[in-house]
Amino acid sequence: MSTGSCLCGDYKFSFPAEPVAYVSCHCIPCRKASGGMNSLNWIVPADSIKVTSSSGTRSWSRKGDSGKNLTYVSCETCGTVVHVDAEAMGPNRILKIGTFDDQSFLEKIGAPKLQIYMKNCASWELPYTNAASKQES
C-alpha cells in the first residue's frame, strides 16, 4: 500500500500500488481541478482505499460527457481534490496522483498508457511515448 494526503495534511489515505488504470486526462474539468494542463489519474477499486485521517470532506457533482455523475471529493480544510467518483466507472475511484506522498514509484512504471481529451492539448504538448491517445474519453 502507498499513502497520499491533501495540501494541509488533514486528509490522509492509503491505496494499492497497482491501479486498474493510469490515465492522463486533458478534459477541461480535470485541468481546472488540478490547476495544470492535465490531471494524472490513478484508478483503483473504491473499497481498496482506506482513509486514515480526516476531519471532514466536502463534495460536489456534475454530469460528465457520458451523462452520468462525477462527484469531486475535497478536503474540507484546504479544498484539495483528493478523489473523484464517476458513476460511469462503476466500483472504481479516481485518485489524483498529485496527492501521493511518495511518487518515486512512478519512475519505475513510466508515463500513463492512456491519454484522453487530447483535443484540449496545446500545440506544444507532446503525447507520451507508448501511450494510446484519444481525442475524447
N, C-alpha and C. Protein backbone atom coordinates (compact mmCIF):
# COMPACT_ATOMS: atom_id res chain seq x y z
N MET A 1 0.83 -1.18 0.00
CA MET A 1 0.00 0.00 0.00
C MET A 1 0.88 1.25 0.00
N SER A 2 0.37 2.28 -0.64
CA SER A 2 1.03 3.58 -0.67
C SER A 2 0.13 4.57 0.05
N THR A 3 0.65 5.78 0.29
CA THR A 3 -0.13 6.77 1.02
C THR A 3 -0.25 8.07 0.24
N GLY A 4 -1.27 8.83 0.59
CA GLY A 4 -1.48 10.13 -0.01
C GLY A 4 -2.09 11.07 1.00
N SER A 5 -2.10 12.36 0.66
CA SER A 5 -2.68 13.36 1.56
C SER A 5 -2.99 14.63 0.78
N CYS A 6 -3.79 15.48 1.41
CA CYS A 6 -4.13 16.77 0.82
C CYS A 6 -3.01 17.77 1.11
N LEU A 7 -3.17 18.98 0.65
CA LEU A 7 -2.15 20.01 0.82
C LEU A 7 -1.89 20.34 2.29
N CYS A 8 -2.95 20.44 3.10
CA CYS A 8 -2.76 20.80 4.52
C CYS A 8 -2.41 19.60 5.38
N GLY A 9 -2.56 18.38 4.85
CA GLY A 9 -2.21 17.17 5.58
C GLY A 9 -3.32 16.62 6.47
N ASP A 10 -4.49 17.26 6.48
CA ASP A 10 -5.59 16.78 7.31
C ASP A 10 -6.19 15.48 6.78
N TYR A 11 -6.38 15.41 5.46
CA TYR A 11 -6.97 14.22 4.84
C TYR A 11 -5.84 13.31 4.40
N LYS A 12 -5.78 12.11 4.98
CA LYS A 12 -4.73 11.14 4.64
C LYS A 12 -5.38 9.82 4.27
N PHE A 13 -4.76 9.11 3.34
CA PHE A 13 -5.33 7.85 2.89
C PHE A 13 -4.24 6.89 2.43
N SER A 14 -4.59 5.62 2.35
CA SER A 14 -3.70 4.62 1.76
C SER A 14 -4.43 3.98 0.59
N PHE A 15 -3.65 3.49 -0.36
CA PHE A 15 -4.22 2.95 -1.59
C PHE A 15 -3.29 1.90 -2.17
N PRO A 16 -3.82 1.01 -3.04
CA PRO A 16 -2.97 -0.03 -3.63
C PRO A 16 -1.98 0.55 -4.64
N ALA A 17 -0.80 -0.02 -4.67
CA ALA A 17 0.24 0.45 -5.58
C ALA A 17 -0.01 0.03 -7.03
N GLU A 18 -0.93 -0.88 -7.26
CA GLU A 18 -1.25 -1.31 -8.62
C GLU A 18 -2.63 -0.78 -9.01
N PRO A 19 -2.71 0.03 -10.05
CA PRO A 19 -4.00 0.59 -10.44
C PRO A 19 -4.77 -0.31 -11.41
N VAL A 20 -6.05 -0.05 -11.52
CA VAL A 20 -6.86 -0.65 -12.59
C VAL A 20 -6.47 0.04 -13.89
N ALA A 21 -6.22 1.35 -13.81
CA ALA A 21 -5.78 2.14 -14.96
C ALA A 21 -4.98 3.34 -14.46
N TYR A 22 -4.13 3.86 -15.35
CA TYR A 22 -3.28 5.01 -15.07
C TYR A 22 -3.45 5.92 -16.28
N VAL A 23 -4.13 7.04 -16.10
CA VAL A 23 -4.61 7.84 -17.22
C VAL A 23 -4.23 9.31 -17.06
N SER A 24 -3.84 9.93 -18.16
CA SER A 24 -3.65 11.37 -18.21
C SER A 24 -4.87 11.96 -18.90
N CYS A 25 -5.58 12.84 -18.19
CA CYS A 25 -6.80 13.43 -18.75
C CYS A 25 -6.60 14.92 -18.99
N HIS A 26 -6.97 15.35 -20.19
CA HIS A 26 -6.84 16.75 -20.58
C HIS A 26 -8.20 17.44 -20.69
N CYS A 27 -9.26 16.82 -20.13
CA CYS A 27 -10.57 17.47 -20.21
C CYS A 27 -10.52 18.76 -19.39
N ILE A 28 -11.38 19.69 -19.73
CA ILE A 28 -11.38 20.99 -19.06
C ILE A 28 -11.63 20.86 -17.55
N PRO A 29 -12.62 20.07 -17.10
CA PRO A 29 -12.82 19.96 -15.65
C PRO A 29 -11.60 19.38 -14.91
N CYS A 30 -10.93 18.38 -15.48
CA CYS A 30 -9.73 17.84 -14.83
C CYS A 30 -8.62 18.88 -14.78
N ARG A 31 -8.50 19.65 -15.84
CA ARG A 31 -7.48 20.70 -15.85
C ARG A 31 -7.76 21.72 -14.75
N LYS A 32 -9.02 22.11 -14.63
CA LYS A 32 -9.37 23.09 -13.60
C LYS A 32 -9.20 22.52 -12.19
N ALA A 33 -9.58 21.26 -12.00
CA ALA A 33 -9.45 20.63 -10.67
C ALA A 33 -8.00 20.48 -10.26
N SER A 34 -7.11 20.25 -11.24
CA SER A 34 -5.70 20.04 -10.92
C SER A 34 -4.89 21.34 -10.93
N GLY A 35 -5.41 22.35 -11.61
CA GLY A 35 -4.66 23.60 -11.74
C GLY A 35 -3.53 23.50 -12.75
N GLY A 36 -3.54 22.46 -13.57
CA GLY A 36 -2.48 22.25 -14.55
C GLY A 36 -3.04 21.99 -15.93
N MET A 37 -2.18 21.60 -16.85
CA MET A 37 -2.57 21.34 -18.23
C MET A 37 -3.25 19.99 -18.39
N ASN A 38 -3.14 19.14 -17.39
CA ASN A 38 -3.80 17.83 -17.40
C ASN A 38 -3.91 17.34 -15.96
N SER A 39 -4.52 16.21 -15.81
CA SER A 39 -4.61 15.57 -14.50
C SER A 39 -4.13 14.14 -14.65
N LEU A 40 -3.16 13.75 -13.85
CA LEU A 40 -2.72 12.36 -13.85
C LEU A 40 -3.58 11.61 -12.83
N ASN A 41 -4.22 10.55 -13.30
CA ASN A 41 -5.22 9.85 -12.51
C ASN A 41 -4.88 8.38 -12.31
N TRP A 42 -5.01 7.91 -11.09
CA TRP A 42 -4.75 6.54 -10.67
C TRP A 42 -6.11 5.95 -10.34
N ILE A 43 -6.54 4.98 -11.10
CA ILE A 43 -7.88 4.44 -10.93
C ILE A 43 -7.79 3.10 -10.21
N VAL A 44 -8.48 3.02 -9.07
CA VAL A 44 -8.44 1.82 -8.22
C VAL A 44 -9.85 1.50 -7.73
N PRO A 45 -10.09 0.27 -7.28
CA PRO A 45 -11.38 -0.04 -6.67
C PRO A 45 -11.62 0.86 -5.45
N ALA A 46 -12.80 1.45 -5.36
CA ALA A 46 -13.10 2.37 -4.26
C ALA A 46 -12.92 1.71 -2.90
N ASP A 47 -13.25 0.45 -2.80
CA ASP A 47 -13.15 -0.22 -1.49
C ASP A 47 -11.71 -0.57 -1.10
N SER A 48 -10.75 -0.30 -1.98
CA SER A 48 -9.35 -0.57 -1.65
C SER A 48 -8.66 0.64 -1.02
N ILE A 49 -9.35 1.77 -0.98
CA ILE A 49 -8.79 3.00 -0.41
C ILE A 49 -9.21 3.08 1.06
N LYS A 50 -8.25 3.35 1.91
CA LYS A 50 -8.53 3.49 3.34
C LYS A 50 -8.19 4.90 3.79
N VAL A 51 -9.19 5.63 4.28
CA VAL A 51 -8.96 6.96 4.83
C VAL A 51 -8.40 6.77 6.23
N THR A 52 -7.21 7.33 6.48
CA THR A 52 -6.55 7.14 7.77
C THR A 52 -6.65 8.36 8.68
N SER A 53 -7.03 9.52 8.11
CA SER A 53 -7.19 10.74 8.91
C SER A 53 -8.01 11.74 8.11
N SER A 54 -9.00 12.33 8.75
CA SER A 54 -9.78 13.38 8.09
C SER A 54 -10.74 14.00 9.09
N SER A 55 -10.79 15.33 9.12
CA SER A 55 -11.79 15.98 9.95
C SER A 55 -13.03 16.31 9.13
N GLY A 56 -13.00 15.93 7.85
CA GLY A 56 -14.18 16.12 7.02
C GLY A 56 -13.84 16.39 5.57
N THR A 57 -14.81 16.13 4.73
CA THR A 57 -14.68 16.41 3.30
C THR A 57 -15.90 17.19 2.83
N ARG A 58 -15.78 17.75 1.67
CA ARG A 58 -16.93 18.35 1.00
C ARG A 58 -16.93 17.81 -0.41
N SER A 59 -18.09 17.79 -1.03
CA SER A 59 -18.17 17.25 -2.38
C SER A 59 -19.18 18.03 -3.21
N TRP A 60 -19.00 17.92 -4.50
CA TRP A 60 -19.97 18.48 -5.44
C TRP A 60 -19.98 17.59 -6.66
N SER A 61 -21.09 17.60 -7.38
CA SER A 61 -21.24 16.71 -8.54
C SER A 61 -21.60 17.49 -9.78
N ARG A 62 -21.26 16.89 -10.91
CA ARG A 62 -21.63 17.43 -12.21
C ARG A 62 -21.88 16.26 -13.15
N LYS A 63 -22.53 16.52 -14.26
CA LYS A 63 -22.74 15.49 -15.29
C LYS A 63 -21.50 15.45 -16.18
N GLY A 64 -21.01 14.24 -16.43
CA GLY A 64 -19.89 14.06 -17.34
C GLY A 64 -20.40 13.93 -18.77
N ASP A 65 -19.49 13.76 -19.70
CA ASP A 65 -19.87 13.57 -21.11
C ASP A 65 -20.74 12.34 -21.31
N SER A 66 -20.62 11.37 -20.41
CA SER A 66 -21.42 10.14 -20.50
C SER A 66 -22.86 10.38 -20.07
N GLY A 67 -23.12 11.54 -19.47
CA GLY A 67 -24.45 11.82 -18.92
C GLY A 67 -24.58 11.35 -17.48
N LYS A 68 -23.53 10.70 -16.97
CA LYS A 68 -23.55 10.20 -15.60
C LYS A 68 -22.78 11.15 -14.68
N ASN A 69 -23.07 11.05 -13.39
CA ASN A 69 -22.46 11.96 -12.41
C ASN A 69 -20.99 11.67 -12.16
N LEU A 70 -20.26 12.76 -11.94
CA LEU A 70 -18.91 12.73 -11.40
C LEU A 70 -18.98 13.51 -10.10
N THR A 71 -18.51 12.92 -9.02
CA THR A 71 -18.53 13.59 -7.72
C THR A 71 -17.09 13.85 -7.29
N TYR A 72 -16.77 15.12 -7.11
CA TYR A 72 -15.43 15.55 -6.70
C TYR A 72 -15.42 15.67 -5.18
N VAL A 73 -14.48 14.98 -4.53
CA VAL A 73 -14.39 15.00 -3.07
C VAL A 73 -13.11 15.74 -2.68
N SER A 74 -13.26 16.74 -1.82
CA SER A 74 -12.15 17.61 -1.42
C SER A 74 -11.99 17.62 0.09
N CYS A 75 -10.78 17.93 0.53
CA CYS A 75 -10.53 18.17 1.94
C CYS A 75 -11.35 19.39 2.36
N GLU A 76 -12.05 19.27 3.47
CA GLU A 76 -12.88 20.38 3.95
C GLU A 76 -12.04 21.58 4.37
N THR A 77 -10.81 21.34 4.81
CA THR A 77 -9.96 22.42 5.30
C THR A 77 -9.28 23.19 4.17
N CYS A 78 -8.57 22.49 3.28
CA CYS A 78 -7.77 23.19 2.26
C CYS A 78 -8.36 23.16 0.86
N GLY A 79 -9.35 22.30 0.61
CA GLY A 79 -10.00 22.25 -0.70
C GLY A 79 -9.33 21.38 -1.74
N THR A 80 -8.24 20.69 -1.39
CA THR A 80 -7.59 19.80 -2.35
C THR A 80 -8.55 18.71 -2.81
N VAL A 81 -8.69 18.54 -4.13
CA VAL A 81 -9.49 17.42 -4.65
C VAL A 81 -8.68 16.15 -4.41
N VAL A 82 -9.21 15.25 -3.58
CA VAL A 82 -8.48 14.03 -3.24
C VAL A 82 -8.91 12.84 -4.08
N HIS A 83 -10.18 12.84 -4.50
CA HIS A 83 -10.61 11.78 -5.42
C HIS A 83 -11.90 12.19 -6.12
N VAL A 84 -12.20 11.42 -7.16
CA VAL A 84 -13.42 11.64 -7.94
C VAL A 84 -14.12 10.29 -8.06
N ASP A 85 -15.41 10.29 -7.80
CA ASP A 85 -16.24 9.10 -8.01
C ASP A 85 -17.03 9.33 -9.29
N ALA A 86 -16.86 8.44 -10.26
CA ALA A 86 -17.53 8.55 -11.55
C ALA A 86 -18.50 7.39 -11.71
N GLU A 87 -19.79 7.69 -11.82
CA GLU A 87 -20.79 6.63 -12.00
C GLU A 87 -20.44 5.73 -13.18
N ALA A 88 -19.89 6.31 -14.23
CA ALA A 88 -19.57 5.55 -15.43
C ALA A 88 -18.46 4.53 -15.19
N MET A 89 -17.71 4.68 -14.10
CA MET A 89 -16.60 3.76 -13.81
C MET A 89 -16.97 2.70 -12.79
N GLY A 90 -18.23 2.59 -12.46
CA GLY A 90 -18.68 1.54 -11.55
C GLY A 90 -18.03 1.63 -10.19
N PRO A 91 -17.45 0.53 -9.71
CA PRO A 91 -16.90 0.48 -8.35
C PRO A 91 -15.52 1.11 -8.21
N ASN A 92 -15.02 1.75 -9.26
CA ASN A 92 -13.68 2.33 -9.21
C ASN A 92 -13.72 3.79 -8.80
N ARG A 93 -12.60 4.25 -8.27
CA ARG A 93 -12.45 5.63 -7.83
C ARG A 93 -11.21 6.21 -8.49
N ILE A 94 -11.27 7.49 -8.82
CA ILE A 94 -10.15 8.19 -9.45
C ILE A 94 -9.38 8.95 -8.37
N LEU A 95 -8.12 8.59 -8.18
CA LEU A 95 -7.24 9.32 -7.27
C LEU A 95 -6.38 10.27 -8.09
N LYS A 96 -6.15 11.46 -7.57
CA LYS A 96 -5.29 12.44 -8.22
C LYS A 96 -3.84 12.17 -7.80
N ILE A 97 -2.98 11.87 -8.76
CA ILE A 97 -1.60 11.48 -8.46
C ILE A 97 -0.84 12.57 -7.72
N GLY A 98 -1.21 13.82 -7.91
CA GLY A 98 -0.56 14.91 -7.19
C GLY A 98 -0.71 14.82 -5.68
N THR A 99 -1.67 14.02 -5.20
CA THR A 99 -1.87 13.87 -3.76
C THR A 99 -1.02 12.75 -3.16
N PHE A 100 -0.28 12.01 -3.98
CA PHE A 100 0.52 10.89 -3.48
C PHE A 100 1.73 11.43 -2.70
N ASP A 101 1.98 10.86 -1.53
CA ASP A 101 3.09 11.32 -0.69
C ASP A 101 4.45 10.98 -1.29
N ASP A 102 4.57 9.83 -1.89
CA ASP A 102 5.84 9.40 -2.49
C ASP A 102 5.55 9.00 -3.93
N GLN A 103 6.07 9.75 -4.86
CA GLN A 103 5.80 9.47 -6.27
C GLN A 103 6.97 8.78 -6.96
N SER A 104 7.95 8.33 -6.18
CA SER A 104 9.14 7.71 -6.78
C SER A 104 8.80 6.45 -7.57
N PHE A 105 7.75 5.73 -7.17
CA PHE A 105 7.39 4.50 -7.90
C PHE A 105 6.93 4.80 -9.32
N LEU A 106 6.55 6.05 -9.59
CA LEU A 106 6.13 6.40 -10.95
C LEU A 106 7.29 6.32 -11.93
N GLU A 107 8.51 6.51 -11.44
CA GLU A 107 9.69 6.37 -12.30
C GLU A 107 9.80 4.94 -12.82
N LYS A 108 9.42 3.99 -12.00
CA LYS A 108 9.51 2.58 -12.40
C LYS A 108 8.45 2.21 -13.43
N ILE A 109 7.25 2.75 -13.27
CA ILE A 109 6.18 2.35 -14.19
C ILE A 109 6.08 3.24 -15.43
N GLY A 110 6.69 4.42 -15.36
CA GLY A 110 6.71 5.29 -16.53
C GLY A 110 5.44 6.10 -16.71
N ALA A 111 5.30 6.64 -17.90
CA ALA A 111 4.17 7.51 -18.23
C ALA A 111 2.87 6.71 -18.32
N PRO A 112 1.74 7.39 -18.18
CA PRO A 112 0.46 6.71 -18.36
C PRO A 112 0.38 6.05 -19.73
N LYS A 113 -0.38 4.98 -19.80
CA LYS A 113 -0.54 4.25 -21.07
C LYS A 113 -1.74 4.75 -21.86
N LEU A 114 -2.47 5.71 -21.30
CA LEU A 114 -3.63 6.27 -21.99
C LEU A 114 -3.73 7.76 -21.70
N GLN A 115 -3.93 8.55 -22.75
CA GLN A 115 -4.19 9.98 -22.64
C GLN A 115 -5.54 10.24 -23.27
N ILE A 116 -6.40 10.97 -22.55
CA ILE A 116 -7.73 11.26 -23.10
C ILE A 116 -7.96 12.77 -23.17
N TYR A 117 -8.91 13.15 -24.01
CA TYR A 117 -9.25 14.55 -24.30
C TYR A 117 -8.04 15.30 -24.86
N MET A 118 -7.33 14.63 -25.75
CA MET A 118 -6.16 15.25 -26.38
C MET A 118 -6.55 16.47 -27.22
N LYS A 119 -7.81 16.57 -27.60
CA LYS A 119 -8.26 17.72 -28.39
C LYS A 119 -8.08 19.03 -27.61
N ASN A 120 -7.92 18.95 -26.30
CA ASN A 120 -7.74 20.14 -25.47
C ASN A 120 -6.28 20.50 -25.23
N CYS A 121 -5.36 19.73 -25.79
CA CYS A 121 -3.93 19.98 -25.58
C CYS A 121 -3.47 21.21 -26.36
N ALA A 122 -2.52 21.91 -25.78
CA ALA A 122 -1.84 22.97 -26.51
C ALA A 122 -0.99 22.33 -27.59
N SER A 123 -0.70 23.06 -28.65
CA SER A 123 0.05 22.50 -29.77
C SER A 123 1.44 22.02 -29.36
N TRP A 124 2.01 22.58 -28.29
CA TRP A 124 3.35 22.20 -27.86
C TRP A 124 3.36 21.03 -26.88
N GLU A 125 2.18 20.57 -26.43
CA GLU A 125 2.14 19.41 -25.55
C GLU A 125 2.33 18.15 -26.37
N LEU A 126 3.29 17.35 -26.01
CA LEU A 126 3.58 16.13 -26.76
C LEU A 126 2.91 14.92 -26.13
N PRO A 127 2.44 13.99 -26.96
CA PRO A 127 1.88 12.75 -26.41
C PRO A 127 2.98 11.96 -25.70
N TYR A 128 2.59 11.20 -24.69
CA TYR A 128 3.55 10.33 -24.01
C TYR A 128 3.95 9.20 -24.94
N THR A 129 5.20 8.80 -24.85
CA THR A 129 5.68 7.66 -25.63
C THR A 129 4.93 6.41 -25.22
N ASN A 130 4.52 5.62 -26.19
CA ASN A 130 3.83 4.34 -25.96
C ASN A 130 2.48 4.47 -25.28
N ALA A 131 1.85 5.64 -25.37
CA ALA A 131 0.52 5.82 -24.77
C ALA A 131 -0.53 5.91 -25.88
N ALA A 132 -1.63 5.23 -25.68
CA ALA A 132 -2.76 5.38 -26.59
C ALA A 132 -3.35 6.77 -26.36
N SER A 133 -3.77 7.44 -27.42
CA SER A 133 -4.33 8.78 -27.30
C SER A 133 -5.72 8.82 -27.91
N LYS A 134 -6.63 9.46 -27.19
CA LYS A 134 -8.00 9.62 -27.67
C LYS A 134 -8.34 11.10 -27.65
N GLN A 135 -9.08 11.56 -28.65
CA GLN A 135 -9.49 12.96 -28.70
C GLN A 135 -10.49 13.28 -27.59
N GLU A 136 -11.32 12.30 -27.23
CA GLU A 136 -12.27 12.46 -26.13
C GLU A 136 -12.08 11.31 -25.16
N SER A 137 -13.12 10.94 -24.41
CA SER A 137 -12.95 9.85 -23.44
C SER A 137 -13.15 8.57 -24.13
